[in-house]
Protein backbone atom coordinates (compact mmCIF):
# COMPACT_ATOMS: atom_id res chain seq x y z
CA MET A 1 -3.40 70.66 54.39
CA ALA A 2 -2.59 69.18 50.99
CA TYR A 3 -1.73 71.48 48.09
CA PHE A 4 -1.45 70.13 44.56
CA GLU A 5 -0.51 72.03 41.40
CA ILE A 6 -3.34 72.22 38.87
CA GLU A 7 -2.37 70.95 35.42
CA SER A 8 -5.68 71.30 33.53
CA TYR A 9 -9.39 71.76 34.09
CA ALA A 10 -12.82 71.06 32.61
CA VAL A 11 -16.09 72.92 33.21
CA HIS A 12 -19.60 71.46 33.30
CA TRP A 13 -22.79 73.53 33.54
CA ASP A 14 -26.03 71.74 34.51
CA THR A 15 -28.81 73.64 32.74
CA GLN A 16 -31.56 71.93 34.74
CA GLU A 17 -30.03 72.59 38.16
CA ASN A 18 -28.43 75.90 37.11
CA THR A 19 -25.16 74.97 38.83
CA GLY A 20 -21.63 74.33 37.68
CA THR A 21 -18.84 71.89 38.37
CA ILE A 22 -15.15 72.44 37.69
CA GLN A 23 -12.95 69.37 37.43
CA LEU A 24 -9.32 69.99 38.34
CA ASN A 25 -6.62 67.64 37.08
CA MET A 26 -3.53 67.77 39.27
CA ILE A 27 0.04 67.46 38.05
CA ASN A 28 0.38 64.30 40.21
CA GLY A 29 -2.52 62.61 38.40
CA GLU A 30 -5.21 63.20 41.03
CA VAL A 31 -8.59 64.58 39.96
CA HIS A 32 -10.80 66.77 42.14
CA ALA A 33 -14.16 68.38 41.45
CA ILE A 34 -15.63 71.56 42.89
CA LYS A 35 -19.42 71.17 42.67
CA GLN A 36 -22.62 73.14 43.08
CA LEU A 37 -21.09 76.43 41.90
CA THR A 38 -23.03 79.54 40.95
CA ALA A 39 -22.51 81.13 37.53
CA SER A 40 -20.49 83.98 39.00
CA THR A 41 -18.21 81.57 40.86
CA VAL A 42 -17.67 79.49 37.71
CA HIS A 43 -16.72 82.64 35.78
CA MET A 44 -14.33 83.83 38.49
CA LEU A 45 -12.59 80.45 38.75
CA MET A 46 -12.36 80.13 34.96
CA ASP A 47 -10.69 83.55 34.81
CA LEU A 48 -8.09 82.41 37.37
CA LEU A 49 -7.54 79.09 35.61
CA ARG A 50 -7.11 80.77 32.20
CA ASN A 51 -4.86 83.62 33.29
CA GLU A 52 -2.77 82.59 36.28
CA LYS A 53 0.00 80.04 36.51
CA PRO A 54 0.90 78.19 38.57
CA LEU A 55 -2.28 77.54 40.54
CA TYR A 56 -2.70 75.12 43.42
CA PHE A 57 -5.68 73.31 44.91
CA ASP A 58 -6.06 72.80 48.66
CA THR A 59 -7.88 69.49 49.04
CA ASP A 60 -8.83 70.14 52.67
CA ARG A 61 -10.41 73.55 52.13
CA GLN A 62 -11.52 72.95 48.53
CA SER A 63 -9.87 76.20 47.47
CA VAL A 64 -7.72 77.44 44.59
CA HIS A 65 -4.54 79.44 45.29
CA SER A 66 -1.86 81.31 43.43
CA HIS A 67 1.50 82.29 44.85
CA PHE A 68 2.81 85.80 45.40
CA GLU A 69 3.66 87.62 42.19
CA PRO A 70 5.52 90.87 41.66
CA ILE A 71 3.43 93.98 41.19
CA GLY A 72 3.21 95.33 37.66
CA GLU A 73 4.45 92.36 35.69
CA ASN A 74 2.30 93.61 32.76
CA GLU A 75 0.21 90.51 32.14
């Protein structure tokens, strides 16, 4: 299992296919893309990417993760 910290991201929406792709740029310089996403999944991931830090990408499972945070930190 390889986890990499996400540094930045870009979003692409294909209007003909009605699917999205999110490109994740890792802090180590690697780039990964999550493809064929529904609109609701794109919105959910964008919310995480905009509002949580740090976030990590698991290259094996193609999943985005945060770490444990204290309850009630008033974000």
